[in-house]
Amino acid sequence: MTKLRVAGIGVAAVAALSLTACSGSDTASSGSSSSSMAPSSSVPAPSSSMASGAANGVTTNADVFGPACSQLPQGSSPGSLDSMGPQPVASAASTNPLLTKLVAAVKATNLVDTLNSQEAITVFAPADPAFAALGDAKFNELAGKPAELAPILQYHVVGKRYDAKGLATAGSVDTLNTAGGPVKIEGSGDNMTVNGAKILCGNIPTKNATVFVIDKVLTPGTNK
């Protein structure tokens, strides 16, 4: 996925129903840009305030946690923590071996520049197996319908930058897809979940976002 542009996620009941019918369950900090992530809908600009937490949600490599973090390349290789840290989130994700499907989805919806231009956001990034659960046919169908896919991706982006502690304190957070309802955060640390999705590798720092790789694709409207 070409990195969701977290600053404007619109509402799309049709997209939500489409994804729900396919998967039956959910899979899967403050930008100033006012451009829309979805080609056909306008979205509100994220708040300019930042979430509390480690350096206002800005994490370091030492803060990263989760069972899948060991799958990232080491040192300064593309996709490693050292490599992703200085890059804006969409560019960083394009090198992350856990997120090839997400990057493809982001590119299909032309959200790469939108995500990269945000100042401070949080991204819940479904790992490849989360998209695989939809099946190749369904994924390709959604990728061919950017207007339906964009609101789903927007539901994975928060217009404030949170670290894990900040998310746990908040309890629930609004995404760029305001029509999809808030995302519920439960537990903390290794036991934290996002609308029931487990965190596979969390607190990943990039230039303008903190990324949480999750094991499900989140479905808008399921936490209302």
Protein backbone atom coordinates (compact mmCIF):
# COMPACT_ATOMS: atom_id res chain seq x y z
CA MET A 1 0.00 0.00 0.00
CA THR A 2 1.45 3.33 -0.77
CA LYS A 3 0.91 4.70 2.72
CA LEU A 4 -2.41 5.94 3.59
CA ARG A 5 -2.78 9.50 3.84
CA VAL A 6 -3.82 9.75 7.34
CA ALA A 7 -5.04 13.25 7.23
CA GLY A 8 -8.39 12.89 5.74
CA ILE A 9 -9.99 9.54 5.80
CA GLY A 10 -13.56 9.76 4.56
CA VAL A 11 -16.55 7.60 5.28
CA ALA A 12 -17.64 4.78 3.09
CA ALA A 13 -20.35 2.42 4.24
CA VAL A 14 -20.23 0.66 0.91
CA ALA A 15 -16.54 -0.03 1.32
CA ALA A 16 -17.04 -1.21 4.86
CA LEU A 17 -19.83 -3.58 3.86
CA SER A 18 -17.74 -4.84 0.99
CA LEU A 19 -14.82 -5.70 3.24
CA THR A 20 -17.03 -7.16 5.97
CA ALA A 21 -18.77 -9.44 3.52
CA CYS A 22 -15.42 -10.71 2.39
CA SER A 23 -13.66 -11.24 5.68
CA GLY A 24 -16.39 -11.44 8.31
CA SER A 25 -14.10 -9.80 10.83
CA ASP A 26 -11.66 -6.95 11.32
CA THR A 27 -8.23 -7.63 9.81
CA ALA A 28 -5.53 -5.73 9.67
CA SER A 29 0.11 12.53 15.34
CA SER A 30 -1.00 15.56 13.82
CA GLY A 31 -0.85 16.47 10.13
CA SER A 32 -1.57 19.92 8.82
CA SER A 33 -2.35 19.10 5.20
CA SER A 34 -5.97 19.53 4.20
CA SER A 35 -5.84 17.52 0.98
CA SER A 36 -8.13 14.51 0.77
CA MET A 37 -6.84 10.95 0.82
CA ALA A 38 -9.78 9.72 -1.18
CA PRO A 39 -10.05 10.93 -4.78
CA SER A 40 -13.80 11.48 -4.57
CA SER A 41 -14.38 12.73 -1.04
CA SER A 42 -13.19 15.58 1.13
CA VAL A 43 -11.93 14.91 4.62
CA PRO A 44 -11.25 17.13 7.63
CA ALA A 45 -7.69 18.11 8.39
CA PRO A 46 -6.20 16.43 11.46
CA SER A 47 -5.92 18.34 14.71
CA SER A 48 -2.71 20.26 15.21
CA SER A 49 -2.30 18.99 18.75
CA MET A 50 -0.11 15.97 19.45
CA ALA A 51 -0.80 13.04 21.70
CA SER A 52 1.04 12.67 24.95
CA GLY A 53 3.51 9.87 25.34
CA ALA A 54 7.20 9.33 24.63
CA ALA A 55 8.25 12.67 23.18
CA ASN A 56 4.68 13.40 22.07
CA GLY A 57 4.32 10.05 20.40
CA VAL A 58 7.74 10.16 18.72
CA THR A 59 9.40 6.83 19.47
CA THR A 60 12.91 5.46 19.04
CA ASN A 61 14.17 2.03 18.01
CA ALA A 62 14.42 1.13 21.69
CA ASP A 63 10.64 1.51 22.04
CA VAL A 64 9.75 -1.03 19.35
CA PHE A 65 8.01 -4.21 20.56
CA GLY A 66 6.16 -7.24 19.24
CA PRO A 67 6.81 -10.78 17.96
CA ALA A 68 7.17 -9.81 14.30
CA CYS A 69 9.81 -7.13 14.85
CA SER A 70 12.49 -9.82 14.52
CA GLN A 71 11.44 -10.27 10.88
CA LEU A 72 12.66 -6.79 9.96
CA PRO A 73 16.07 -6.49 8.29
CA GLN A 74 18.94 -5.54 10.57
CA GLY A 75 21.46 -2.74 10.48
CA SER A 76 20.97 -0.12 7.79
CA SER A 77 19.44 -2.46 5.21
CA PRO A 78 16.22 -1.28 3.48
CA GLY A 79 13.26 -2.05 5.74
CA SER A 80 15.33 -1.97 8.93
CA LEU A 81 14.48 0.35 11.79
CA ASP A 82 17.57 2.45 11.10
CA SER A 83 16.59 2.77 7.45
CA MET A 84 12.90 3.57 7.99
CA GLY A 85 13.37 6.08 10.80
CA PRO A 86 14.47 9.08 8.69
CA GLN A 87 11.87 8.46 5.95
CA PRO A 88 8.25 9.67 5.78
CA VAL A 89 5.81 6.88 6.55
CA ALA A 90 4.72 5.79 3.06
CA SER A 91 8.29 5.68 1.81
CA ALA A 92 9.39 3.78 4.91
CA ALA A 93 6.56 1.26 4.54
CA SER A 94 7.53 0.59 0.94
CA THR A 95 10.70 -1.08 2.23
CA ASN A 96 9.10 -2.95 5.14
CA PRO A 97 8.88 -6.68 4.27
CA LEU A 98 5.78 -7.06 6.47
CA LEU A 99 3.74 -4.52 4.51
CA THR A 100 3.95 -5.29 0.78
CA LYS A 101 0.17 -5.65 0.39
CA LEU A 102 -0.53 -2.45 2.29
CA VAL A 103 1.95 -0.58 0.14
CA ALA A 104 0.24 -1.91 -2.99
CA ALA A 105 -3.12 -0.69 -1.66
CA VAL A 106 -1.73 2.74 -0.83
CA LYS A 107 -0.30 3.07 -4.34
CA ALA A 108 -3.59 1.95 -5.88
CA THR A 109 -5.39 4.80 -4.12
CA ASN A 110 -2.67 7.38 -4.85
CA LEU A 111 -2.16 8.08 -1.14
CA VAL A 112 1.63 7.92 -1.03
CA ASP A 113 2.23 11.66 -1.28
CA THR A 114 -0.67 12.37 1.04
CA LEU A 115 0.72 10.18 3.80
CA ASN A 116 4.26 11.38 3.33
CA SER A 117 3.18 15.01 3.62
CA GLN A 118 1.54 14.67 7.04
CA GLU A 119 3.40 16.12 10.01
CA ALA A 120 2.49 13.75 12.84
CA ILE A 121 0.21 10.72 12.50
CA THR A 122 -0.32 7.19 13.76
CA VAL A 123 -0.71 4.34 11.28
CA PHE A 124 -2.24 0.93 12.04
CA ALA A 125 -0.65 -1.12 9.26
CA PRO A 126 -2.13 -4.54 8.44
CA ALA A 127 0.59 -7.11 7.77
CA ASP A 128 0.53 -9.13 4.56
CA PRO A 129 -1.30 -12.13 6.12
CA ALA A 130 -4.14 -9.80 7.10
CA PHE A 131 -4.74 -8.89 3.47
CA ALA A 132 -4.15 -12.48 2.40
CA ALA A 133 -7.14 -13.46 4.53
CA LEU A 134 -9.32 -11.49 2.09
CA GLY A 135 -8.13 -13.61 -0.81
CA ASP A 136 -6.33 -12.40 -3.92
CA ALA A 137 -9.55 -11.94 -5.89
CA LYS A 138 -11.11 -9.64 -3.30
CA PHE A 139 -7.89 -7.70 -2.78
CA ASN A 140 -7.49 -7.14 -6.51
CA GLU A 141 -11.13 -6.11 -6.76
CA LEU A 142 -10.70 -3.46 -4.06
CA ALA A 143 -7.41 -2.30 -5.53
CA GLY A 144 -9.30 -1.64 -8.76
CA LYS A 145 -11.86 0.52 -6.93
CA PRO A 146 -9.91 3.34 -5.24
CA ALA A 147 -13.08 5.15 -4.12
CA GLU A 148 -14.05 2.09 -2.05
CA LEU A 149 -10.57 1.18 -0.87
CA ALA A 150 -9.49 4.66 0.26
CA PRO A 151 -12.00 4.94 3.15
CA ILE A 152 -10.86 1.55 4.44
CA LEU A 153 -7.23 2.67 4.41
CA GLN A 154 -8.18 5.98 6.02
CA TYR A 155 -9.70 4.04 8.91
CA HIS A 156 -6.16 2.89 9.71
CA VAL A 157 -4.74 6.41 10.10
CA VAL A 158 -5.03 8.71 13.10
CA GLY A 159 -4.41 12.43 12.75
CA LYS A 160 -2.29 12.57 15.90
CA ARG A 161 0.96 10.87 16.72
CA TYR A 162 0.68 8.33 19.53
CA ASP A 163 3.10 5.89 21.06
CA ALA A 164 1.78 2.69 22.67
CA LYS A 165 1.48 4.30 26.09
CA GLY A 166 -0.46 7.22 24.65
CA LEU A 167 -2.86 4.87 22.86
CA ALA A 168 -3.46 2.85 26.02
CA THR A 169 -4.21 6.04 27.93
CA ALA A 170 -6.59 7.32 25.24
CA GLY A 171 -8.65 4.11 25.16
CA SER A 172 -10.12 5.00 21.76
CA VAL A 173 -8.99 7.25 18.92
CA ASP A 174 -10.68 8.82 15.92
CA THR A 175 -9.30 8.08 12.48
CA LEU A 176 -9.32 10.07 9.28
CA ASN A 177 -12.43 8.09 8.35
CA THR A 178 -14.63 9.88 10.87
CA ALA A 179 -17.74 8.12 9.58
CA GLY A 180 -16.23 4.77 10.49
CA GLY A 181 -16.37 5.53 14.20
CA PRO A 182 -13.51 5.46 16.72
CA VAL A 183 -10.93 2.71 16.96
CA LYS A 184 -10.94 0.99 20.37
CA ILE A 185 -7.65 0.38 22.14
CA GLU A 186 -7.54 -2.33 24.81
CA GLY A 187 -4.74 -3.70 26.96
CA SER A 188 -1.19 -2.40 26.98
CA GLY A 189 2.29 -3.40 25.90
CA ASP A 190 2.48 -6.81 24.25
CA ASN A 191 -1.19 -7.40 25.10
CA MET A 192 -2.51 -4.29 23.37
CA THR A 193 -5.20 -4.71 20.70
CA VAL A 194 -6.66 -2.30 18.13
CA ASN A 195 -10.33 -3.11 17.52
CA GLY A 196 -9.38 -6.64 18.51
CA ALA A 197 -6.38 -6.82 16.16
CA LYS A 198 -3.12 -7.87 17.80
CA ILE A 199 -0.01 -5.74 17.45
CA LEU A 200 2.71 -7.68 15.64
CA CYS A 201 5.31 -4.93 15.76
CA GLY A 202 4.51 -1.61 17.42
CA ASN A 203 6.04 1.78 18.09
CA ILE A 204 7.95 1.73 14.78
CA PRO A 205 9.36 5.25 14.30
CA THR A 206 9.34 7.04 10.95
CA LYS A 207 9.95 10.69 10.15
CA ASN A 208 6.31 11.75 10.43
CA ALA A 209 4.48 8.79 11.96
CA THR A 210 4.50 6.03 14.53
CA VAL A 211 3.51 2.71 12.96
CA PHE A 212 1.81 -0.29 14.56
CA VAL A 213 1.80 -3.41 12.39
CA ILE A 214 -1.38 -5.37 13.15
CA ASP A 215 -2.73 -8.81 12.24
CA LYS A 216 -6.13 -7.78 10.79
CA VAL A 217 -7.62 -5.30 8.35
CA LEU A 218 -9.84 -2.97 10.36
CA THR A 219 -13.43 -2.59 9.14
CA PRO A 220 -15.02 0.88 9.45
CA GLY A 221 -18.16 0.97 11.54
CA THR A 222 -17.53 -2.17 13.57
CA ASN A 223 -16.77 -0.35 16.82
CA LYS A 224 -19.78 1.97 16.92
